[in-house]
N, C-alpha and C. Protein backbone atom coordinates (compact mmCIF):
# COMPACT_ATOMS: atom_id res chain seq x y z
N UNK A 1 -17.00 -13.72 -21.29
CA UNK A 1 -15.81 -14.51 -21.31
C UNK A 1 -14.70 -13.99 -20.31
N UNK A 2 -14.62 -12.74 -20.23
CA UNK A 2 -13.54 -12.18 -19.30
C UNK A 2 -14.09 -12.43 -17.83
N UNK A 3 -15.39 -12.38 -17.57
CA UNK A 3 -16.00 -12.57 -16.25
C UNK A 3 -15.65 -14.21 -15.83
N UNK A 4 -15.80 -15.10 -16.75
CA UNK A 4 -15.40 -16.43 -16.47
C UNK A 4 -13.88 -16.64 -16.31
N UNK A 5 -13.08 -15.91 -17.13
CA UNK A 5 -11.64 -16.03 -16.66
C UNK A 5 -11.34 -15.46 -15.35
N UNK A 6 -11.95 -14.29 -14.95
CA UNK A 6 -11.62 -13.76 -13.64
C UNK A 6 -12.04 -14.75 -12.59
N UNK A 7 -13.19 -15.48 -12.69
CA UNK A 7 -13.76 -16.27 -11.62
C UNK A 7 -12.86 -17.48 -11.60
N UNK A 8 -12.22 -18.05 -12.84
CA UNK A 8 -11.48 -19.12 -12.76
C UNK A 8 -10.14 -18.87 -12.02
N UNK A 9 -9.65 -17.67 -12.23
CA UNK A 9 -8.43 -17.11 -11.59
C UNK A 9 -8.65 -17.22 -10.02
N UNK A 10 -9.69 -16.82 -9.50
CA UNK A 10 -10.07 -16.80 -8.07
C UNK A 10 -10.29 -18.22 -7.69
N UNK A 11 -10.90 -19.06 -8.42
CA UNK A 11 -11.06 -20.49 -7.98
C UNK A 11 -9.74 -21.23 -8.00
N UNK A 12 -8.91 -20.82 -8.92
CA UNK A 12 -7.51 -21.37 -8.95
C UNK A 12 -6.79 -21.15 -7.71
N UNK A 13 -6.92 -19.79 -7.19
CA UNK A 13 -6.24 -19.41 -5.84
C UNK A 13 -6.86 -20.02 -4.88
N UNK A 14 -8.15 -20.27 -4.71
CA UNK A 14 -8.80 -20.91 -3.71
C UNK A 14 -8.35 -22.36 -3.65
N UNK A 15 -8.13 -23.05 -4.63
CA UNK A 15 -7.86 -24.65 -4.66
C UNK A 15 -6.33 -24.76 -4.63
N UNK A 16 -5.42 -23.91 -4.99
CA UNK A 16 -4.06 -24.22 -5.16
C UNK A 16 -3.12 -23.50 -4.20
N UNK A 17 -3.48 -22.40 -3.92
CA UNK A 17 -2.70 -21.45 -3.09
C UNK A 17 -3.15 -21.41 -1.58
N UNK A 18 -4.53 -21.03 -1.47
CA UNK A 18 -5.24 -20.72 -0.32
C UNK A 18 -4.94 -21.95 0.74
N UNK A 19 -5.03 -23.11 0.31
CA UNK A 19 -4.91 -24.22 1.34
C UNK A 19 -3.53 -24.31 2.06
N UNK A 20 -2.55 -23.74 1.57
CA UNK A 20 -1.08 -23.70 2.08
C UNK A 20 -0.94 -22.30 2.95
N UNK A 21 -1.74 -21.38 3.06
CA UNK A 21 -1.77 -20.28 3.87
C UNK A 21 -2.53 -20.51 5.08
N UNK A 22 -2.21 -19.88 6.18
CA UNK A 22 -3.03 -20.01 7.46
C UNK A 22 -4.27 -19.47 7.15
N UNK A 23 -5.43 -19.95 7.92
CA UNK A 23 -6.66 -19.45 7.73
C UNK A 23 -6.82 -18.23 8.44
N UNK A 24 -6.57 -16.94 7.83
CA UNK A 24 -6.49 -15.77 8.39
C UNK A 24 -7.57 -14.74 8.03
N UNK A 25 -8.58 -15.03 7.14
CA UNK A 25 -9.51 -14.15 6.93
C UNK A 25 -10.51 -13.76 8.11
N UNK A 26 -10.55 -12.51 8.23
CA UNK A 26 -11.38 -12.15 9.42
C UNK A 26 -12.93 -11.91 9.11
N UNK A 27 -13.32 -12.23 7.85
CA UNK A 27 -14.80 -12.10 7.48
C UNK A 27 -15.34 -13.40 7.02
N UNK A 28 -16.73 -13.41 6.97
CA UNK A 28 -17.44 -14.56 6.35
C UNK A 28 -18.43 -13.73 5.39
N UNK A 29 -18.43 -14.27 4.12
CA UNK A 29 -17.68 -15.32 3.44
C UNK A 29 -16.18 -14.73 3.30
N UNK A 30 -15.43 -15.61 2.96
CA UNK A 30 -13.87 -15.39 2.96
C UNK A 30 -13.70 -14.25 2.00
N UNK A 31 -12.55 -13.57 1.89
CA UNK A 31 -12.25 -12.55 0.95
C UNK A 31 -12.28 -13.07 -0.62
N UNK A 32 -11.97 -14.25 -0.84
CA UNK A 32 -11.96 -14.79 -2.03
C UNK A 32 -13.32 -15.29 -2.62
N UNK A 33 -14.01 -15.88 -1.61
CA UNK A 33 -15.47 -16.17 -1.95
C UNK A 33 -16.29 -14.75 -2.14
N UNK A 34 -16.05 -13.80 -1.43
CA UNK A 34 -16.68 -12.52 -1.60
C UNK A 34 -16.39 -12.01 -2.92
N UNK A 35 -15.22 -12.08 -3.46
CA UNK A 35 -14.88 -11.68 -4.69
C UNK A 35 -15.58 -12.45 -5.85
N UNK A 36 -15.60 -13.74 -5.61
CA UNK A 36 -16.37 -14.47 -6.59
C UNK A 36 -17.82 -14.03 -6.76
N UNK A 37 -18.47 -13.93 -5.43
CA UNK A 37 -19.88 -13.47 -5.43
C UNK A 37 -20.07 -12.03 -6.09
N UNK A 38 -18.99 -11.19 -5.83
CA UNK A 38 -19.08 -9.70 -6.51
C UNK A 38 -18.99 -9.85 -7.98
N UNK A 39 -18.14 -10.63 -8.43
CA UNK A 39 -17.93 -10.79 -9.90
C UNK A 39 -19.37 -11.28 -10.37
N UNK A 40 -19.91 -12.28 -9.75
CA UNK A 40 -21.16 -12.79 -10.26
C UNK A 40 -22.25 -11.76 -10.29
N UNK A 41 -22.21 -10.92 -9.22
CA UNK A 41 -23.39 -9.92 -9.17
C UNK A 41 -23.25 -8.63 -9.96
N UNK A 42 -21.87 -8.20 -10.03
CA UNK A 42 -21.51 -6.91 -10.56
C UNK A 42 -20.70 -7.01 -11.95
N UNK A 43 -20.22 -8.09 -12.21
CA UNK A 43 -19.36 -8.16 -13.32
C UNK A 43 -17.80 -7.99 -13.01
N UNK A 44 -17.08 -8.36 -13.81
CA UNK A 44 -15.71 -8.52 -13.68
C UNK A 44 -14.95 -7.17 -13.02
N UNK A 45 -15.16 -5.96 -13.72
CA UNK A 45 -14.47 -4.80 -13.17
C UNK A 45 -14.82 -4.52 -11.86
N UNK A 46 -16.29 -4.36 -11.58
CA UNK A 46 -16.53 -3.81 -10.14
C UNK A 46 -16.33 -4.99 -9.20
N UNK A 47 -16.55 -6.16 -9.67
CA UNK A 47 -16.26 -7.39 -8.64
C UNK A 47 -14.89 -7.42 -8.19
N UNK A 48 -13.82 -7.20 -9.15
CA UNK A 48 -12.49 -7.17 -8.70
C UNK A 48 -12.32 -5.90 -7.83
N UNK A 49 -12.89 -4.82 -8.17
CA UNK A 49 -12.75 -3.56 -7.27
C UNK A 49 -13.23 -3.84 -5.84
N UNK A 50 -14.27 -4.52 -5.83
CA UNK A 50 -14.89 -4.74 -4.37
C UNK A 50 -14.18 -5.72 -3.76
N UNK A 51 -13.58 -6.73 -4.44
CA UNK A 51 -12.64 -7.69 -3.99
C UNK A 51 -11.47 -7.06 -3.23
N UNK A 52 -10.85 -6.22 -4.02
CA UNK A 52 -9.49 -5.47 -3.51
C UNK A 52 -10.00 -4.61 -2.20
N UNK A 53 -11.08 -3.89 -2.32
CA UNK A 53 -11.45 -3.14 -1.14
C UNK A 53 -11.71 -3.98 0.00
N UNK A 54 -12.28 -5.19 -0.17
CA UNK A 54 -12.46 -6.09 0.97
C UNK A 54 -11.25 -6.64 1.65
N UNK A 55 -10.21 -7.05 0.67
CA UNK A 55 -8.96 -7.54 1.05
C UNK A 55 -8.28 -6.38 1.81
N UNK A 56 -8.50 -5.21 1.43
CA UNK A 56 -7.68 -4.11 2.11
C UNK A 56 -8.20 -3.81 3.53
N UNK A 57 -9.39 -4.37 3.87
CA UNK A 57 -9.94 -4.16 5.13
C UNK A 57 -9.78 -5.41 6.02
N UNK A 58 -9.05 -6.57 5.35
CA UNK A 58 -8.88 -7.70 6.04
C UNK A 58 -7.40 -7.68 6.88
N UNK A 59 -7.40 -7.11 7.99
CA UNK A 59 -6.23 -7.05 8.74
C UNK A 59 -6.48 -6.93 10.23
N UNK A 60 -5.57 -7.23 11.10
CA UNK A 60 -5.75 -7.43 12.62
C UNK A 60 -6.52 -6.30 13.18
N UNK A 61 -6.46 -5.06 12.73
CA UNK A 61 -7.05 -3.95 13.45
C UNK A 61 -8.62 -3.77 13.02
N UNK A 62 -9.19 -4.84 12.21
CA UNK A 62 -10.43 -4.78 11.81
C UNK A 62 -11.12 -5.96 12.41
N UNK A 63 -12.32 -5.81 13.08
CA UNK A 63 -12.79 -6.97 13.89
C UNK A 63 -13.48 -8.03 12.88
N UNK A 64 -13.76 -7.72 11.56
CA UNK A 64 -14.30 -8.72 10.57
C UNK A 64 -15.77 -8.91 10.99
N UNK A 65 -16.14 -10.18 10.66
CA UNK A 65 -17.50 -10.61 10.90
C UNK A 65 -18.27 -10.92 9.48
N UNK A 66 -19.44 -10.93 9.66
CA UNK A 66 -20.31 -11.22 8.49
C UNK A 66 -20.42 -10.07 7.60
N UNK A 67 -20.13 -10.18 6.38
CA UNK A 67 -20.04 -9.01 5.33
C UNK A 67 -20.39 -9.71 3.97
N UNK A 68 -21.65 -9.83 3.59
CA UNK A 68 -22.08 -10.21 2.34
C UNK A 68 -21.83 -9.19 1.31
N UNK A 69 -21.79 -9.65 -0.01
CA UNK A 69 -21.83 -8.76 -1.15
C UNK A 69 -23.17 -7.98 -1.12
N UNK A 70 -23.11 -6.63 -1.21
CA UNK A 70 -24.58 -6.01 -1.26
C UNK A 70 -24.86 -5.45 -2.54
C-alpha cells in the first residue's frame, strides 16, 4: 500500500509539476523515472533512498548519461 502511494506521488510530480520545469535531468532515465523503477525493484524505503542519491548527483558538474537501476 505504501509502495503504491509513493509511486503515485512520483507520477503526480511527473504529470503536474515536471512539465512546467525546464528539461534539465542529466541522466537517462530521468531522475523521477529512475525513482519509480527503484521503488518497483527495491520497495518504498530503498527506492526513495536511491532516488534521492540520484537527484543529488544531477547537477552541472556531473556528466550524466545512461544510469539504470541496478
